[in-house]
Amino acid sequence: MLRPKLPDIPTLPTTTVTPQQVQAPAPSTGRPLTPYVGIGAGAVVAVVVVGIVLTALLAAVAISAVSVAVAAVVLRSLVSNPHKR
């Protein structure tokens, strides 16, 4: 009944294609890229080292806090109840 009509396949015209001109690369400024790569690698290493140092300091503070808390609990138990033993 209602069937869509498919369009005819268009035929491509046969024309000759002329190659486009290739643009010459832009002249370099004379500065090598090596120092920028070195700065990037140095920055990454610095960030990693700072991250490791900060993580170690955070771990040291956490361990110190736990040990102080344990010492406080022990001292409190020793001082507060001398007669209950």
C-alpha atoms as a PDB file:
ATOM      1  CA  MET A   1       0.000   0.000   0.000  1.00  0.00           C
ATOM      2  CA  LEU A   2       2.150   2.823   1.284  1.00  0.00           C
ATOM      3  CA  ARG A   3       5.655   1.876   0.369  1.00  0.00           C
ATOM      4  CA  PRO A   4       8.390   4.492   0.321  1.00  0.00           C
ATOM      5  CA  LYS A   5       9.969   5.083  -3.023  1.00  0.00           C
ATOM      6  CA  LEU A   6      13.732   4.688  -2.888  1.00  0.00           C
ATOM      7  CA  PRO A   7      15.668   7.416  -4.657  1.00  0.00           C
ATOM      8  CA  ASP A   8      17.681   6.553  -7.711  1.00  0.00           C
ATOM      9  CA  ILE A   9      21.398   6.150  -7.175  1.00  0.00           C
ATOM     10  CA  PRO A  10      23.067   9.244  -8.571  1.00  0.00           C
ATOM     11  CA  THR A  11      25.948   8.763 -10.935  1.00  0.00           C
ATOM     12  CA  LEU A  12      29.081  10.745 -10.261  1.00  0.00           C
ATOM     13  CA  PRO A  13      30.286  12.966 -13.063  1.00  0.00           C
ATOM     14  CA  THR A  14      33.644  12.028 -14.474  1.00  0.00           C
ATOM     15  CA  THR A  15      35.883  15.052 -14.202  1.00  0.00           C
ATOM     16  CA  THR A  16      39.605  15.379 -13.945  1.00  0.00           C
ATOM     17  CA  VAL A  17      40.862  16.356 -10.515  1.00  0.00           C
ATOM     18  CA  THR A  18      43.858  18.632 -10.340  1.00  0.00           C
ATOM     19  CA  PRO A  19      46.108  18.100  -7.320  1.00  0.00           C
ATOM     20  CA  GLN A  20      46.208  20.941  -4.846  1.00  0.00           C
ATOM     21  CA  GLN A  21      49.428  22.682  -4.038  1.00  0.00           C
ATOM     22  CA  VAL A  22      51.171  21.534  -0.906  1.00  0.00           C
ATOM     23  CA  GLN A  23      51.909  24.360   1.492  1.00  0.00           C
ATOM     24  CA  ALA A  24      55.478  24.642   2.677  1.00  0.00           C
ATOM     25  CA  PRO A  25      55.985  24.159   6.439  1.00  0.00           C
ATOM     26  CA  ALA A  26      56.344  27.275   8.528  1.00  0.00           C
ATOM     27  CA  PRO A  27      59.926  28.226   9.322  1.00  0.00           C
ATOM     28  CA  SER A  28      61.000  27.339  12.839  1.00  0.00           C
ATOM     29  CA  THR A  29      61.911  30.003  15.353  1.00  0.00           C
ATOM     30  CA  GLY A  30      65.264  28.386  15.998  1.00  0.00           C
ATOM     31  CA  ARG A  31      64.497  27.383  19.577  1.00  0.00           C
ATOM     32  CA  PRO A  32      64.680  23.662  20.290  1.00  0.00           C
ATOM     33  CA  LEU A  33      61.854  21.929  22.142  1.00  0.00           C
ATOM     34  CA  THR A  34      64.198  19.950  24.367  1.00  0.00           C
ATOM     35  CA  PRO A  35      64.316  22.453  27.275  1.00  0.00           C
ATOM     36  CA  TYR A  36      60.528  22.511  27.448  1.00  0.00           C
ATOM     37  CA  VAL A  37      60.392  18.733  27.625  1.00  0.00           C
ATOM     38  CA  GLY A  38      63.030  18.796  30.364  1.00  0.00           C
ATOM     39  CA  ILE A  39      61.047  21.354  32.336  1.00  0.00           C
ATOM     40  CA  GLY A  40      57.906  19.238  32.021  1.00  0.00           C
ATOM     41  CA  ALA A  41      59.662  16.084  33.198  1.00  0.00           C
ATOM     42  CA  GLY A  42      61.290  17.983  36.051  1.00  0.00           C
ATOM     43  CA  ALA A  43      57.945  19.400  37.118  1.00  0.00           C
ATOM     44  CA  VAL A  44      56.364  15.951  37.112  1.00  0.00           C
ATOM     45  CA  VAL A  45      59.204  14.558  39.210  1.00  0.00           C
ATOM     46  CA  ALA A  46      58.915  17.489  41.633  1.00  0.00           C
ATOM     47  CA  VAL A  47      55.160  16.957  42.034  1.00  0.00           C
ATOM     48  CA  VAL A  48      55.650  13.241  42.641  1.00  0.00           C
ATOM     49  CA  VAL A  49      58.386  13.869  45.233  1.00  0.00           C
ATOM     50  CA  VAL A  50      56.290  16.498  47.024  1.00  0.00           C
ATOM     51  CA  GLY A  51      53.334  14.116  47.034  1.00  0.00           C
ATOM     52  CA  ILE A  52      55.431  11.329  48.544  1.00  0.00           C
ATOM     53  CA  VAL A  53      56.841  13.637  51.222  1.00  0.00           C
ATOM     54  CA  LEU A  54      53.406  14.981  52.148  1.00  0.00           C
ATOM     55  CA  THR A  55      51.988  11.471  52.323  1.00  0.00           C
ATOM     56  CA  ALA A  56      54.834  10.388  54.613  1.00  0.00           C
ATOM     57  CA  LEU A  57      54.273  13.399  56.860  1.00  0.00           C
ATOM     58  CA  LEU A  58      50.557  12.692  57.033  1.00  0.00           C
ATOM     59  CA  ALA A  59      51.237   9.076  57.976  1.00  0.00           C
ATOM     60  CA  ALA A  60      53.690  10.198  60.678  1.00  0.00           C
ATOM     61  CA  VAL A  61      51.131  12.595  62.154  1.00  0.00           C
ATOM     62  CA  ALA A  62      48.461   9.899  62.136  1.00  0.00           C
ATOM     63  CA  ILE A  63      50.733   7.384  63.872  1.00  0.00           C
ATOM     64  CA  SER A  64      51.739   9.993  66.456  1.00  0.00           C
ATOM     65  CA  ALA A  65      48.103  10.854  67.132  1.00  0.00           C
ATOM     66  CA  VAL A  66      47.199   7.197  67.654  1.00  0.00           C
ATOM     67  CA  SER A  67      50.117   6.648  70.016  1.00  0.00           C
ATOM     68  CA  VAL A  68      49.239   9.766  72.046  1.00  0.00           C
ATOM     69  CA  ALA A  69      45.626   8.610  72.274  1.00  0.00           C
ATOM     70  CA  VAL A  70      46.672   5.163  73.505  1.00  0.00           C
ATOM     71  CA  ALA A  71      49.016   6.714  76.060  1.00  0.00           C
ATOM     72  CA  ALA A  72      46.218   9.019  77.271  1.00  0.00           C
ATOM     73  CA  VAL A  73      43.838   6.088  77.743  1.00  0.00           C
ATOM     74  CA  VAL A  74      46.449   4.118  79.671  1.00  0.00           C
ATOM     75  CA  LEU A  75      47.329   7.065  81.914  1.00  0.00           C
ATOM     76  CA  ARG A  76      43.656   7.802  82.548  1.00  0.00           C
ATOM     77  CA  SER A  77      43.001   4.236  83.549  1.00  0.00           C
ATOM     78  CA  LEU A  78      45.998   4.260  85.889  1.00  0.00           C
ATOM     79  CA  VAL A  79      45.137   7.570  87.581  1.00  0.00           C
ATOM     80  CA  SER A  80      41.345   7.443  87.823  1.00  0.00           C
ATOM     81  CA  ASN A  81      40.754   4.074  89.495  1.00  0.00           C
ATOM     82  CA  PRO A  82      43.466   3.237  91.997  1.00  0.00           C
ATOM     83  CA  HIS A  83      41.055   1.665  94.545  1.00  0.00           C
ATOM     84  CA  LYS A  84      39.182  -0.680  92.200  1.00  0.00           C
ATOM     85  CA  ARG A  85      42.056  -3.056  91.816  1.00  0.00           C
END
